[in-house]
Amino acid sequence: MPWAPPRACPRCGALHAGGACPQRGPVPYDRRAWRRHSQAFRARYPYCGMRADGAFHPDDSICTRRGLQILADQVDHIVAIVDGGALLEDANLQSLCGGCHRRKTIADQAGLNARG
C-alpha cells in the first residue's frame, strides 16, 4: 500500500495518518460501491424528488413542490445511516438536486444538534 502523508482533520484540526481521526470514526461505507449504486439509482430515477417507487415526493424536494422537473445530481438517504437507515437499499434513497440536498442536510443537522 502506498504511503500517504498525514492530513488535517476538518473536525479537530490535528494531523492523522490517512486522515483517519479517532473523533470522526471510520468511513461508514465503501465509497466505490456507493458511487456505482448512486449512479445507477440516478439513471433509473433522474429527477429531483424521485424515489424508488418512481413517484415524485415533495417531502424533501422544493423542486417537486413547485411542480418542476429538475435533473438530480445527488442521491440522498431518506433516513440517515447514523439514524439506522439502510446504506444501499433503494427504498431508503431519493434523487435530489444540489440545492434540495443542501437544504435537507442543513435541516437534518439542525435536528441532530437540537437532540444533542
N, C-alpha and C. Protein backbone atom coordinates (compact mmCIF):
# COMPACT_ATOMS: atom_id res chain seq x y z
N MET A 1 0.86 -1.18 0.00
CA MET A 1 0.00 0.00 0.00
C MET A 1 0.90 1.24 0.00
N PRO A 2 0.66 2.19 -0.86
CA PRO A 2 1.48 3.40 -0.89
C PRO A 2 1.28 4.23 0.36
N TRP A 3 2.34 4.92 0.74
CA TRP A 3 2.30 5.76 1.91
C TRP A 3 1.68 7.10 1.56
N ALA A 4 0.83 7.60 2.43
CA ALA A 4 0.22 8.92 2.23
C ALA A 4 0.60 9.80 3.42
N PRO A 5 0.91 11.06 3.17
CA PRO A 5 1.25 11.94 4.28
C PRO A 5 0.04 12.19 5.16
N PRO A 6 0.27 12.52 6.44
CA PRO A 6 -0.86 12.84 7.33
C PRO A 6 -1.64 14.03 6.81
N ARG A 7 -2.94 14.01 7.03
CA ARG A 7 -3.81 15.11 6.63
C ARG A 7 -4.50 15.69 7.85
N ALA A 8 -4.84 16.97 7.73
CA ALA A 8 -5.55 17.63 8.82
C ALA A 8 -7.01 17.22 8.81
N CYS A 9 -7.52 16.88 9.98
CA CYS A 9 -8.92 16.52 10.14
C CYS A 9 -9.76 17.80 10.11
N PRO A 10 -10.85 17.83 9.33
CA PRO A 10 -11.69 19.02 9.30
C PRO A 10 -12.41 19.28 10.63
N ARG A 11 -12.54 18.24 11.46
CA ARG A 11 -13.24 18.39 12.74
C ARG A 11 -12.34 18.91 13.85
N CYS A 12 -11.20 18.21 14.06
CA CYS A 12 -10.37 18.58 15.21
C CYS A 12 -9.13 19.38 14.81
N GLY A 13 -8.76 19.38 13.52
CA GLY A 13 -7.62 20.15 13.04
C GLY A 13 -6.29 19.45 13.21
N ALA A 14 -6.24 18.34 13.92
CA ALA A 14 -4.99 17.61 14.13
C ALA A 14 -4.63 16.79 12.89
N LEU A 15 -3.33 16.50 12.76
CA LEU A 15 -2.87 15.66 11.65
C LEU A 15 -3.02 14.20 12.03
N HIS A 16 -3.56 13.41 11.10
CA HIS A 16 -3.76 11.98 11.33
C HIS A 16 -3.31 11.22 10.10
N ALA A 17 -2.72 10.06 10.31
CA ALA A 17 -2.29 9.21 9.21
C ALA A 17 -3.50 8.77 8.39
N GLY A 18 -3.45 9.00 7.11
CA GLY A 18 -4.56 8.60 6.24
C GLY A 18 -5.83 9.38 6.46
N GLY A 19 -5.77 10.43 7.25
CA GLY A 19 -6.95 11.24 7.50
C GLY A 19 -7.94 10.61 8.45
N ALA A 20 -7.56 9.49 9.10
CA ALA A 20 -8.48 8.80 10.00
C ALA A 20 -8.41 9.42 11.39
N CYS A 21 -9.38 10.19 11.74
CA CYS A 21 -9.44 10.86 13.04
C CYS A 21 -10.23 9.99 14.02
N PRO A 22 -9.72 9.79 15.24
CA PRO A 22 -10.48 9.00 16.20
C PRO A 22 -11.81 9.63 16.59
N GLN A 23 -11.93 10.95 16.51
CA GLN A 23 -13.20 11.61 16.81
C GLN A 23 -14.20 11.40 15.69
N ARG A 24 -13.70 11.29 14.49
CA ARG A 24 -14.58 11.16 13.33
C ARG A 24 -15.06 9.73 13.14
N GLY A 25 -14.22 8.77 13.46
CA GLY A 25 -14.60 7.37 13.30
C GLY A 25 -14.33 6.88 11.89
N PRO A 26 -14.61 5.62 11.62
CA PRO A 26 -14.32 5.05 10.31
C PRO A 26 -15.30 5.55 9.25
N VAL A 27 -14.88 5.46 8.00
CA VAL A 27 -15.77 5.79 6.89
C VAL A 27 -16.89 4.75 6.89
N PRO A 28 -18.16 5.18 6.89
CA PRO A 28 -19.25 4.23 7.10
C PRO A 28 -19.59 3.34 5.91
N TYR A 29 -18.99 3.57 4.75
CA TYR A 29 -19.33 2.76 3.60
C TYR A 29 -18.20 2.74 2.58
N ASP A 30 -18.26 1.76 1.72
CA ASP A 30 -17.32 1.62 0.62
C ASP A 30 -17.68 2.67 -0.42
N ARG A 31 -16.82 3.64 -0.61
CA ARG A 31 -17.13 4.76 -1.50
C ARG A 31 -17.34 4.34 -2.94
N ARG A 32 -16.57 3.35 -3.41
CA ARG A 32 -16.75 2.89 -4.80
C ARG A 32 -18.12 2.23 -4.98
N ALA A 33 -18.49 1.40 -4.03
CA ALA A 33 -19.80 0.74 -4.11
C ALA A 33 -20.92 1.78 -4.07
N TRP A 34 -20.77 2.79 -3.20
CA TRP A 34 -21.78 3.84 -3.11
C TRP A 34 -21.85 4.63 -4.41
N ARG A 35 -20.71 4.98 -4.99
CA ARG A 35 -20.70 5.75 -6.24
C ARG A 35 -21.41 4.98 -7.35
N ARG A 36 -21.10 3.69 -7.47
CA ARG A 36 -21.76 2.88 -8.51
C ARG A 36 -23.27 2.79 -8.26
N HIS A 37 -23.63 2.54 -7.02
CA HIS A 37 -25.05 2.38 -6.69
C HIS A 37 -25.81 3.69 -6.90
N SER A 38 -25.24 4.79 -6.48
CA SER A 38 -25.93 6.07 -6.63
C SER A 38 -26.05 6.48 -8.10
N GLN A 39 -25.03 6.18 -8.90
CA GLN A 39 -25.12 6.49 -10.33
C GLN A 39 -26.22 5.66 -10.99
N ALA A 40 -26.30 4.39 -10.63
CA ALA A 40 -27.36 3.53 -11.18
C ALA A 40 -28.74 4.00 -10.72
N PHE A 41 -28.83 4.43 -9.46
CA PHE A 41 -30.11 4.91 -8.93
C PHE A 41 -30.55 6.16 -9.70
N ARG A 42 -29.63 7.11 -9.91
CA ARG A 42 -29.97 8.34 -10.65
C ARG A 42 -30.32 8.05 -12.09
N ALA A 43 -29.75 7.01 -12.67
CA ALA A 43 -30.10 6.64 -14.04
C ALA A 43 -31.56 6.15 -14.11
N ARG A 44 -32.00 5.46 -13.07
CA ARG A 44 -33.39 4.96 -13.04
C ARG A 44 -34.37 6.05 -12.60
N TYR A 45 -33.93 6.92 -11.70
CA TYR A 45 -34.80 7.96 -11.13
C TYR A 45 -34.08 9.30 -11.29
N PRO A 46 -34.14 9.91 -12.48
CA PRO A 46 -33.26 11.04 -12.80
C PRO A 46 -33.69 12.41 -12.28
N TYR A 47 -34.90 12.55 -11.76
CA TYR A 47 -35.38 13.88 -11.40
C TYR A 47 -35.42 14.10 -9.89
N CYS A 48 -35.22 15.35 -9.50
CA CYS A 48 -35.25 15.73 -8.10
C CYS A 48 -36.59 15.36 -7.47
N GLY A 49 -36.52 14.66 -6.35
CA GLY A 49 -37.73 14.26 -5.64
C GLY A 49 -38.20 12.86 -5.95
N MET A 50 -37.55 12.17 -6.89
CA MET A 50 -37.97 10.81 -7.25
C MET A 50 -37.39 9.81 -6.26
N ARG A 51 -38.23 8.83 -5.93
CA ARG A 51 -37.80 7.74 -5.06
C ARG A 51 -37.95 6.43 -5.80
N ALA A 52 -37.61 5.33 -5.14
CA ALA A 52 -37.58 4.02 -5.77
C ALA A 52 -38.94 3.54 -6.26
N ASP A 53 -40.01 4.14 -5.79
CA ASP A 53 -41.33 3.76 -6.30
C ASP A 53 -41.64 4.46 -7.63
N GLY A 54 -40.72 5.32 -8.08
CA GLY A 54 -40.90 6.01 -9.35
C GLY A 54 -41.74 7.26 -9.26
N ALA A 55 -42.26 7.56 -8.09
CA ALA A 55 -43.11 8.74 -7.91
C ALA A 55 -42.28 9.91 -7.38
N PHE A 56 -42.82 11.10 -7.58
CA PHE A 56 -42.21 12.32 -7.05
C PHE A 56 -42.73 12.55 -5.63
N HIS A 57 -41.81 12.81 -4.70
CA HIS A 57 -42.17 13.03 -3.30
C HIS A 57 -41.74 14.44 -2.89
N PRO A 58 -42.67 15.26 -2.45
CA PRO A 58 -42.35 16.65 -2.12
C PRO A 58 -41.75 16.84 -0.73
N ASP A 59 -41.60 15.77 0.05
CA ASP A 59 -41.11 15.89 1.43
C ASP A 59 -39.81 16.68 1.52
N ASP A 60 -38.83 16.32 0.71
CA ASP A 60 -37.51 16.95 0.78
C ASP A 60 -37.15 17.70 -0.50
N SER A 61 -38.05 17.75 -1.46
CA SER A 61 -37.76 18.37 -2.75
C SER A 61 -38.63 19.61 -2.99
N ILE A 62 -38.01 20.77 -2.92
CA ILE A 62 -38.72 22.00 -3.23
C ILE A 62 -39.08 22.02 -4.72
N CYS A 63 -38.22 21.44 -5.54
CA CYS A 63 -38.49 21.36 -6.98
C CYS A 63 -39.83 20.66 -7.24
N THR A 64 -40.05 19.52 -6.57
CA THR A 64 -41.29 18.78 -6.74
C THR A 64 -42.47 19.58 -6.21
N ARG A 65 -42.30 20.25 -5.08
CA ARG A 65 -43.39 21.08 -4.54
C ARG A 65 -43.80 22.16 -5.52
N ARG A 66 -42.84 22.68 -6.26
CA ARG A 66 -43.12 23.75 -7.23
C ARG A 66 -43.56 23.22 -8.59
N GLY A 67 -43.61 21.89 -8.73
CA GLY A 67 -44.04 21.29 -9.99
C GLY A 67 -42.95 21.29 -11.05
N LEU A 68 -41.70 21.43 -10.66
CA LEU A 68 -40.58 21.45 -11.61
C LEU A 68 -39.97 20.07 -11.74
N GLN A 69 -39.51 19.75 -12.93
CA GLN A 69 -38.76 18.51 -13.15
C GLN A 69 -37.32 18.88 -13.43
N ILE A 70 -36.52 18.92 -12.38
CA ILE A 70 -35.11 19.28 -12.45
C ILE A 70 -34.28 18.00 -12.34
N LEU A 71 -33.27 17.87 -13.19
CA LEU A 71 -32.41 16.69 -13.11
C LEU A 71 -31.66 16.68 -11.79
N ALA A 72 -31.66 15.53 -11.16
CA ALA A 72 -30.95 15.36 -9.89
C ALA A 72 -29.48 15.10 -10.17
N ASP A 73 -28.63 15.58 -9.29
CA ASP A 73 -27.21 15.28 -9.42
C ASP A 73 -26.66 14.59 -8.17
N GLN A 74 -27.55 14.27 -7.23
CA GLN A 74 -27.13 13.61 -6.00
C GLN A 74 -28.19 12.61 -5.55
N VAL A 75 -27.75 11.64 -4.77
CA VAL A 75 -28.67 10.66 -4.17
C VAL A 75 -28.57 10.83 -2.66
N ASP A 76 -29.71 10.90 -2.01
CA ASP A 76 -29.79 11.16 -0.58
C ASP A 76 -30.40 9.97 0.13
N HIS A 77 -29.92 9.71 1.35
CA HIS A 77 -30.55 8.71 2.21
C HIS A 77 -31.72 9.38 2.91
N ILE A 78 -32.90 8.85 2.74
CA ILE A 78 -34.10 9.40 3.36
C ILE A 78 -33.94 9.37 4.88
N VAL A 79 -33.59 8.21 5.40
CA VAL A 79 -33.25 8.07 6.82
C VAL A 79 -31.73 7.93 6.86
N ALA A 80 -31.06 8.85 7.54
CA ALA A 80 -29.60 8.86 7.59
C ALA A 80 -29.05 7.54 8.13
N ILE A 81 -27.87 7.19 7.66
CA ILE A 81 -27.21 5.96 8.09
C ILE A 81 -27.04 5.98 9.62
N VAL A 82 -26.64 7.11 10.17
CA VAL A 82 -26.43 7.20 11.63
C VAL A 82 -27.73 7.03 12.41
N ASP A 83 -28.86 7.24 11.75
CA ASP A 83 -30.16 7.07 12.40
C ASP A 83 -30.76 5.69 12.11
N GLY A 84 -29.95 4.80 11.53
CA GLY A 84 -30.41 3.44 11.27
C GLY A 84 -30.91 3.17 9.87
N GLY A 85 -30.74 4.13 8.97
CA GLY A 85 -31.16 3.94 7.58
C GLY A 85 -30.26 2.97 6.85
N ALA A 86 -30.84 2.25 5.90
CA ALA A 86 -30.07 1.27 5.13
C ALA A 86 -29.19 1.99 4.11
N LEU A 87 -27.97 1.52 3.97
CA LEU A 87 -26.99 2.19 3.13
C LEU A 87 -27.28 2.06 1.64
N LEU A 88 -27.43 0.86 1.14
CA LEU A 88 -27.59 0.64 -0.29
C LEU A 88 -28.96 0.09 -0.66
N GLU A 89 -29.94 0.34 0.17
CA GLU A 89 -31.30 -0.12 -0.11
C GLU A 89 -32.07 0.97 -0.83
N ASP A 90 -32.56 0.67 -2.02
CA ASP A 90 -33.25 1.67 -2.84
C ASP A 90 -34.43 2.31 -2.12
N ALA A 91 -35.10 1.58 -1.25
CA ALA A 91 -36.26 2.13 -0.54
C ALA A 91 -35.86 3.27 0.39
N ASN A 92 -34.57 3.38 0.72
CA ASN A 92 -34.10 4.44 1.60
C ASN A 92 -33.40 5.56 0.82
N LEU A 93 -33.54 5.58 -0.49
CA LEU A 93 -32.85 6.57 -1.31
C LEU A 93 -33.82 7.45 -2.08
N GLN A 94 -33.36 8.65 -2.39
CA GLN A 94 -34.11 9.57 -3.25
C GLN A 94 -33.12 10.40 -4.04
N SER A 95 -33.50 10.74 -5.25
CA SER A 95 -32.68 11.62 -6.08
C SER A 95 -33.03 13.05 -5.73
N LEU A 96 -32.00 13.88 -5.57
CA LEU A 96 -32.20 15.29 -5.27
C LEU A 96 -31.22 16.14 -6.07
N CYS A 97 -31.62 17.38 -6.36
CA CYS A 97 -30.68 18.34 -6.94
C CYS A 97 -29.80 18.86 -5.80
N GLY A 98 -28.73 19.54 -6.14
CA GLY A 98 -27.81 20.04 -5.13
C GLY A 98 -28.46 20.95 -4.11
N GLY A 99 -29.32 21.86 -4.56
CA GLY A 99 -29.98 22.79 -3.65
C GLY A 99 -30.88 22.11 -2.65
N CYS A 100 -31.69 21.18 -3.12
CA CYS A 100 -32.60 20.46 -2.21
C CYS A 100 -31.81 19.57 -1.25
N HIS A 101 -30.72 18.97 -1.74
CA HIS A 101 -29.91 18.13 -0.87
C HIS A 101 -29.25 18.96 0.24
N ARG A 102 -28.76 20.15 -0.11
CA ARG A 102 -28.17 21.03 0.91
C ARG A 102 -29.21 21.44 1.95
N ARG A 103 -30.40 21.81 1.49
CA ARG A 103 -31.46 22.20 2.44
C ARG A 103 -31.79 21.06 3.39
N LYS A 104 -31.92 19.85 2.85
CA LYS A 104 -32.26 18.69 3.69
C LYS A 104 -31.13 18.40 4.68
N THR A 105 -29.89 18.46 4.22
CA THR A 105 -28.75 18.20 5.09
C THR A 105 -28.69 19.20 6.23
N ILE A 106 -28.89 20.48 5.93
CA ILE A 106 -28.89 21.51 6.96
C ILE A 106 -30.01 21.28 7.96
N ALA A 107 -31.19 20.94 7.46
CA ALA A 107 -32.33 20.67 8.35
C ALA A 107 -32.06 19.44 9.22
N ASP A 108 -31.47 18.39 8.62
CA ASP A 108 -31.14 17.19 9.39
C ASP A 108 -30.11 17.50 10.47
N GLN A 109 -29.09 18.28 10.12
CA GLN A 109 -28.06 18.62 11.10
C GLN A 109 -28.63 19.50 12.21
N ALA A 110 -29.53 20.39 11.88
CA ALA A 110 -30.17 21.22 12.91
C ALA A 110 -30.98 20.34 13.85
N GLY A 111 -31.64 19.34 13.31
CA GLY A 111 -32.40 18.40 14.14
C GLY A 111 -31.49 17.59 15.03
N LEU A 112 -30.33 17.16 14.51
CA LEU A 112 -29.37 16.42 15.32
C LEU A 112 -28.83 17.29 16.43
N ASN A 113 -28.50 18.54 16.09
CA ASN A 113 -27.98 19.45 17.10
C ASN A 113 -29.01 19.72 18.19
N ALA A 114 -30.26 19.79 17.81
CA ALA A 114 -31.32 20.06 18.79
C ALA A 114 -31.49 18.86 19.72
N ARG A 115 -31.27 17.63 19.18
CA ARG A 115 -31.42 16.42 20.00
C ARG A 115 -30.23 16.22 20.93
N GLY A 116 -29.10 16.89 20.59
CA GLY A 116 -27.95 16.77 21.47
C GLY A 116 -26.86 15.99 20.86
